[in-house]
Amino acid sequence: MPAEAAADAAPPIVALEGVRYRYPASPDWVLRGVSLAIRPGEFVGLVGSTGAGKSTLCLALNGLIPHYHRGRFEGTARVGGRDTRQATVAELSATVGLVFQDGDAQLIMSSVEEECRLGPLAQGWSRAEARAAAARLLQTLEVAHLARRSPRALSGGQKQRVAIAAAMATEPALLVLDEATSELDALMVAKIFEICARLNRDLGTTILIVSHEVELLARYADRLLLLHEGLLLLDAPPREAFARADLFERAGVRLPQATEVALALAATGHLTWPTLPLTEEEVVAGLRRAMSRGGQ
């Protein structure tokens, strides 16, 4: 069976059915009946404006909701086949690695190496196994030279790469990045996306990344989830998703610049696109084809 068909046949690593949640003392539901499935090996982007419920959805995947943030939780969330109501946060951490927006909030050890050994040791790995896992991930994320440095002394991009290494050290099947690139410069954002793509491609890690970087999501994601006011408005491949400009406008999320240019040109009636461009290269290629036909 081809690898793609096998992935489609595999049980979903994330299965949410009618998930609703509101925080303690809040009268408003932050998630309002979210249902979705993510298959092993997918690279999924999650977009939405501030307050859409993106971070809350991420917290529901590793058990922090409902175990830490009590509130009111309804529906069913299964991750790695486990009901998040029944599994503890520690148990779910073997399946889910979660990286937050603020690296400082989750880096607590005195050295980078210790930070990356912490998860494996907490799950009962031997010291030799934990040391080997830490070394492997630090090498993969190109921060092995920082192993003995204090996480507090690192740059923002270095902290995020260390946070990803620490989250991946226990080899979780799912890596969730919640706005983990929002405070980084453009070059480092691109680097983090490349690293996630490499983990996805080489290790088969399922990626769920919350980001406003729609240009990079257009290049890397297999699917896009559009969340608005706690509702899942759209779940589709990027080209199909971005074609629904009306839903993105409703949700207050911009389209990739190349797509906006393509739609504006199409609106003039002078240019049609066989497929909606998502990148600058695709727009330029389409313009060249149009100019070539016009010159004949």
Protein backbone atom coordinates (compact mmCIF):
# COMPACT_ATOMS: atom_id res chain seq x y z
CA MET A 1 0.00 0.00 0.00
CA PRO A 2 1.45 3.44 -0.93
CA ALA A 3 2.54 5.57 2.03
CA GLU A 4 -0.11 8.22 1.29
CA ALA A 5 -2.88 5.62 1.15
CA ALA A 6 -1.59 4.02 4.36
CA ALA A 7 -1.72 7.40 6.11
CA ASP A 8 -5.29 7.91 4.93
CA ALA A 9 -6.23 4.47 6.26
CA ALA A 10 -4.58 5.05 9.65
CA PRO A 11 -6.72 6.22 12.57
CA PRO A 12 -6.56 10.00 13.05
CA ILE A 13 -3.99 11.24 15.52
CA VAL A 14 -6.42 14.04 16.43
CA ALA A 15 -10.18 13.52 16.46
CA LEU A 16 -12.42 16.26 17.84
CA GLU A 17 -16.19 15.89 17.89
CA GLY A 18 -18.40 18.80 18.90
CA VAL A 19 -15.78 20.30 21.21
CA ARG A 20 -17.10 23.28 23.19
CA TYR A 21 -15.19 25.09 25.90
CA ARG A 22 -15.48 28.17 28.08
CA TYR A 23 -13.05 29.37 30.73
CA PRO A 24 -13.98 29.54 34.43
CA ALA A 25 -16.21 32.50 35.30
CA SER A 26 -16.68 33.33 31.61
CA PRO A 27 -20.21 33.31 30.15
CA ASP A 28 -18.92 32.97 26.58
CA TRP A 29 -17.92 29.80 24.77
CA VAL A 30 -14.42 30.10 23.26
CA LEU A 31 -14.85 26.92 21.19
CA ARG A 32 -18.33 26.31 19.84
CA GLY A 33 -18.70 22.80 18.48
CA VAL A 34 -15.38 22.14 16.72
CA SER A 35 -15.14 18.83 14.87
CA LEU A 36 -12.06 17.82 12.88
CA ALA A 37 -9.63 14.99 12.24
CA ILE A 38 -5.87 15.17 11.60
CA ARG A 39 -4.16 12.14 10.09
CA PRO A 40 -0.65 10.94 10.95
CA GLY A 41 2.01 12.68 8.87
CA GLU A 42 -0.06 15.72 7.90
CA PHE A 43 1.24 19.30 8.01
CA VAL A 44 -1.73 21.42 9.06
CA GLY A 45 -1.96 25.19 9.42
CA LEU A 46 -4.43 26.86 11.81
CA VAL A 47 -5.36 30.50 11.15
CA GLY A 48 -7.79 32.97 12.67
CA SER A 49 -7.88 36.47 14.11
CA THR A 50 -7.13 37.29 17.74
CA GLY A 51 -9.75 35.72 19.99
CA ALA A 52 -10.79 33.08 17.46
CA GLY A 53 -9.98 30.25 19.90
CA LYS A 54 -6.72 29.01 18.35
CA SER A 55 -4.69 28.78 21.57
CA THR A 56 -7.62 27.22 23.39
CA LEU A 57 -7.84 24.55 20.70
CA CYS A 58 -4.11 23.82 21.11
CA LEU A 59 -4.47 23.50 24.89
CA ALA A 60 -7.27 21.00 24.35
CA LEU A 61 -4.89 18.73 22.45
CA ASN A 62 -2.46 18.08 25.31
CA GLY A 63 -4.95 17.93 28.16
CA LEU A 64 -4.23 21.33 29.74
CA ILE A 65 -7.88 21.77 28.88
CA PRO A 66 -9.76 20.37 30.76
CA HIS A 67 -7.27 19.20 33.44
CA TYR A 68 -5.47 22.48 34.21
CA HIS A 69 -7.84 25.14 32.88
CA ARG A 70 -10.99 23.71 34.39
CA GLY A 71 -13.86 25.66 32.88
CA ARG A 72 -16.67 23.90 31.04
CA PHE A 73 -15.68 21.28 28.45
CA GLU A 74 -18.14 19.46 26.22
CA GLY A 75 -17.76 17.08 23.31
CA THR A 76 -14.98 14.55 22.74
CA ALA A 77 -11.27 15.09 22.09
CA ARG A 78 -9.15 12.06 21.29
CA VAL A 79 -5.41 12.40 20.69
CA GLY A 80 -3.35 9.38 19.77
CA GLY A 81 -6.45 7.30 20.44
CA ARG A 82 -6.78 8.58 24.04
CA ASP A 83 -9.72 10.52 25.38
CA THR A 84 -8.18 13.70 26.81
CA ARG A 85 -10.65 13.60 29.69
CA GLN A 86 -9.29 10.22 30.78
CA ALA A 87 -5.58 10.62 29.99
CA THR A 88 -3.37 12.85 32.13
CA VAL A 89 -1.31 15.72 30.73
CA ALA A 90 1.84 13.68 31.42
CA GLU A 91 0.44 10.71 29.48
CA LEU A 92 -0.59 12.89 26.56
CA SER A 93 2.85 14.53 26.45
CA ALA A 94 4.20 11.26 25.06
CA THR A 95 2.06 11.88 21.97
CA VAL A 96 1.86 15.70 21.83
CA GLY A 97 4.69 18.22 21.95
CA LEU A 98 3.44 21.79 22.44
CA VAL A 99 5.51 24.92 21.80
CA PHE A 100 4.11 28.25 22.95
CA GLN A 101 4.59 31.78 21.64
CA ASP A 102 6.88 32.74 24.54
CA GLY A 103 9.93 30.49 24.74
CA ASP A 104 10.83 31.90 28.16
CA ALA A 105 7.58 30.53 29.57
CA GLN A 106 8.59 26.91 28.96
CA LEU A 107 12.38 26.88 29.29
CA ILE A 108 13.10 26.24 32.96
CA MET A 109 16.39 24.33 33.24
CA SER A 110 19.87 25.75 33.73
CA SER A 111 21.23 24.51 30.39
CA VAL A 112 19.89 23.73 26.93
CA GLU A 113 21.00 20.10 27.20
CA GLU A 114 19.19 19.66 30.52
CA GLU A 115 16.09 21.24 29.02
CA CYS A 116 16.03 18.64 26.26
CA ARG A 117 16.70 15.74 28.64
CA LEU A 118 13.90 16.72 31.01
CA GLY A 119 10.98 15.25 29.04
CA PRO A 120 12.56 11.84 28.35
CA LEU A 121 13.70 11.49 31.98
CA ALA A 122 10.20 12.39 33.21
CA GLN A 123 8.83 9.60 31.05
CA GLY A 124 11.19 7.03 32.50
CA TRP A 125 13.90 6.94 29.85
CA SER A 126 17.39 6.05 31.01
CA ARG A 127 19.94 8.86 31.31
CA ALA A 128 21.82 7.47 28.30
CA GLU A 129 18.63 7.41 26.21
CA ALA A 130 17.69 10.93 27.30
CA ARG A 131 21.19 12.23 26.53
CA ALA A 132 21.16 10.63 23.08
CA ALA A 133 17.71 12.01 22.26
CA ALA A 134 18.71 15.51 23.34
CA ALA A 135 21.89 15.40 21.27
CA ARG A 136 20.00 14.15 18.21
CA LEU A 137 17.33 16.85 18.32
CA LEU A 138 19.78 19.66 19.05
CA GLN A 139 21.76 18.55 16.02
CA THR A 140 18.62 18.36 13.86
CA LEU A 141 17.60 21.88 14.85
CA GLU A 142 21.15 23.18 14.41
CA VAL A 143 21.64 24.32 18.00
CA ALA A 144 23.99 21.59 19.26
CA HIS A 145 26.65 24.25 19.88
CA LEU A 146 24.35 25.77 22.51
CA ALA A 147 24.03 22.59 24.58
CA ARG A 148 25.83 23.96 27.66
CA ARG A 149 24.42 27.49 27.43
CA SER A 150 21.65 28.79 29.69
CA PRO A 151 18.34 29.11 27.80
CA ARG A 152 17.97 32.59 29.30
CA ALA A 153 21.09 33.75 27.44
CA LEU A 154 19.79 32.80 23.98
CA SER A 155 18.24 34.91 21.26
CA GLY A 156 14.53 34.63 20.51
CA GLY A 157 15.09 32.35 17.52
CA GLN A 158 17.48 30.14 19.45
CA LYS A 159 15.00 29.82 22.32
CA GLN A 160 12.26 28.72 19.95
CA ARG A 161 14.48 26.11 18.34
CA VAL A 162 15.47 24.82 21.78
CA ALA A 163 11.79 24.75 22.78
CA ILE A 164 11.01 22.69 19.68
CA ALA A 165 13.94 20.36 20.43
CA ALA A 166 12.71 19.91 24.01
CA ALA A 167 9.17 19.23 22.80
CA MET A 168 10.44 16.69 20.26
CA ALA A 169 12.94 14.92 22.54
CA THR A 170 10.40 12.30 23.60
CA GLU A 171 9.60 11.68 19.92
CA PRO A 172 5.93 12.71 20.08
CA ALA A 173 3.86 11.86 17.04
CA LEU A 174 2.30 15.34 17.00
CA LEU A 175 4.06 18.69 17.28
CA VAL A 176 1.84 21.72 17.95
CA LEU A 177 3.28 25.22 17.57
CA ASP A 178 1.00 27.92 18.98
CA GLU A 179 2.15 31.23 17.46
CA ALA A 180 5.70 30.03 18.09
CA THR A 181 7.11 32.27 15.34
CA SER A 182 5.14 35.46 16.03
CA GLU A 183 7.99 37.33 17.77
CA LEU A 184 10.77 36.29 15.39
CA ASP A 185 12.24 38.09 12.39
CA ALA A 186 11.33 36.97 8.87
CA LEU A 187 14.47 34.90 8.31
CA MET A 188 14.02 32.98 11.55
CA VAL A 189 10.31 32.43 10.86
CA ALA A 190 11.22 30.86 7.52
CA LYS A 191 13.84 28.74 9.30
CA ILE A 192 11.31 27.41 11.82
CA PHE A 193 8.94 26.47 9.01
CA GLU A 194 11.77 24.68 7.21
CA ILE A 195 12.63 22.78 10.40
CA CYS A 196 9.00 21.72 10.84
CA ALA A 197 8.89 20.59 7.22
CA ARG A 198 12.06 18.55 7.78
CA LEU A 199 10.64 16.90 10.92
CA ASN A 200 7.45 16.17 8.98
CA ARG A 201 9.30 14.76 5.98
CA ASP A 202 12.17 12.89 7.65
CA LEU A 203 10.60 11.73 10.93
CA GLY A 204 6.94 11.57 9.90
CA THR A 205 6.00 14.01 12.68
CA THR A 206 2.49 15.38 12.34
CA ILE A 207 2.61 19.18 12.45
CA LEU A 208 -0.11 21.58 13.57
CA ILE A 209 1.13 25.16 13.38
CA VAL A 210 -0.81 28.26 14.40
CA SER A 211 0.54 31.19 12.43
CA HIS A 212 -0.33 34.44 10.66
CA GLU A 213 2.35 33.69 8.05
CA VAL A 214 -0.09 32.79 5.29
CA GLU A 215 2.60 32.89 2.58
CA LEU A 216 4.57 30.17 4.35
CA LEU A 217 1.45 28.16 5.16
CA ALA A 218 0.59 28.26 1.45
CA ARG A 219 3.98 26.71 0.68
CA TYR A 220 4.18 24.11 3.43
CA ALA A 221 0.75 23.10 4.71
CA ASP A 222 -1.25 20.16 3.40
CA ARG A 223 -4.42 21.63 4.90
CA LEU A 224 -5.62 24.88 6.41
CA LEU A 225 -8.08 25.26 9.26
CA LEU A 226 -9.84 28.64 9.48
CA LEU A 227 -11.21 29.35 12.95
CA HIS A 228 -13.52 32.28 13.66
CA GLU A 229 -15.24 33.05 16.96
CA GLY A 230 -14.82 29.45 18.07
CA LEU A 231 -16.26 27.98 14.87
CA LEU A 232 -14.36 26.06 12.21
CA LEU A 233 -15.30 27.94 9.04
CA LEU A 234 -13.07 26.04 6.65
CA ASP A 235 -10.95 22.89 6.46
CA ALA A 236 -9.35 22.45 3.05
CA PRO A 237 -6.04 22.27 1.12
CA PRO A 238 -4.43 25.73 0.80
CA ARG A 239 -5.36 26.36 -2.85
CA GLU A 240 -8.97 25.41 -2.21
CA ALA A 241 -9.05 27.30 1.09
CA PHE A 242 -7.64 30.57 -0.21
CA ALA A 243 -10.13 30.50 -3.07
CA ARG A 244 -12.77 31.25 -0.41
CA ALA A 245 -11.74 34.87 -0.05
CA ASP A 246 -15.16 35.67 1.39
CA LEU A 247 -14.59 33.44 4.41
CA PHE A 248 -11.12 34.85 5.05
CA GLU A 249 -12.51 38.38 4.90
CA ARG A 250 -15.27 37.39 7.33
CA ALA A 251 -12.70 35.95 9.72
CA GLY A 252 -10.38 38.95 9.46
CA VAL A 253 -7.50 36.92 8.04
CA ARG A 254 -5.59 38.14 5.01
CA LEU A 255 -4.81 36.05 1.94
CA PRO A 256 -1.25 35.50 0.66
CA GLN A 257 -0.16 38.64 -1.20
CA ALA A 258 0.32 36.68 -4.42
CA THR A 259 -3.23 35.37 -4.20
CA GLU A 260 -4.59 38.87 -3.55
CA VAL A 261 -2.77 40.15 -6.65
CA ALA A 262 -4.07 37.24 -8.74
CA LEU A 263 -7.66 37.82 -7.65
CA ALA A 264 -7.36 41.56 -8.32
CA LEU A 265 -6.06 40.88 -11.85
CA ALA A 266 -8.83 38.34 -12.47
CA ALA A 267 -11.42 40.90 -11.34
CA THR A 268 -10.38 43.20 -14.21
CA GLY A 269 -11.53 40.54 -16.67
CA HIS A 270 -8.24 40.64 -18.58
CA LEU A 271 -6.61 37.60 -16.99
CA THR A 272 -7.87 34.20 -15.94
CA TRP A 273 -6.02 31.63 -13.86
CA PRO A 274 -6.33 27.88 -14.55
CA THR A 275 -5.46 27.38 -10.87
CA LEU A 276 -5.37 30.05 -8.18
CA PRO A 277 -1.77 31.20 -7.59
CA LEU A 278 -0.47 30.99 -4.04
CA THR A 279 3.11 32.18 -4.54
CA GLU A 280 4.94 34.96 -6.37
CA GLU A 281 6.49 32.37 -8.68
CA GLU A 282 3.06 31.14 -9.75
CA VAL A 283 1.83 34.69 -10.41
CA VAL A 284 4.90 35.52 -12.49
CA ALA A 285 4.58 32.28 -14.45
CA GLY A 286 0.92 33.05 -15.18
CA LEU A 287 1.72 36.57 -16.33
CA ARG A 288 4.44 35.27 -18.63
CA ARG A 289 2.05 32.76 -20.19
CA ALA A 290 -0.54 35.51 -20.71
CA MET A 291 2.03 37.82 -22.30
CA SER A 292 3.26 35.01 -24.55
CA ARG A 293 -0.26 34.32 -25.78
CA GLY A 294 -0.86 38.03 -26.33
CA GLY A 295 2.24 38.33 -28.48
CA GLN A 296 1.24 35.50 -30.79
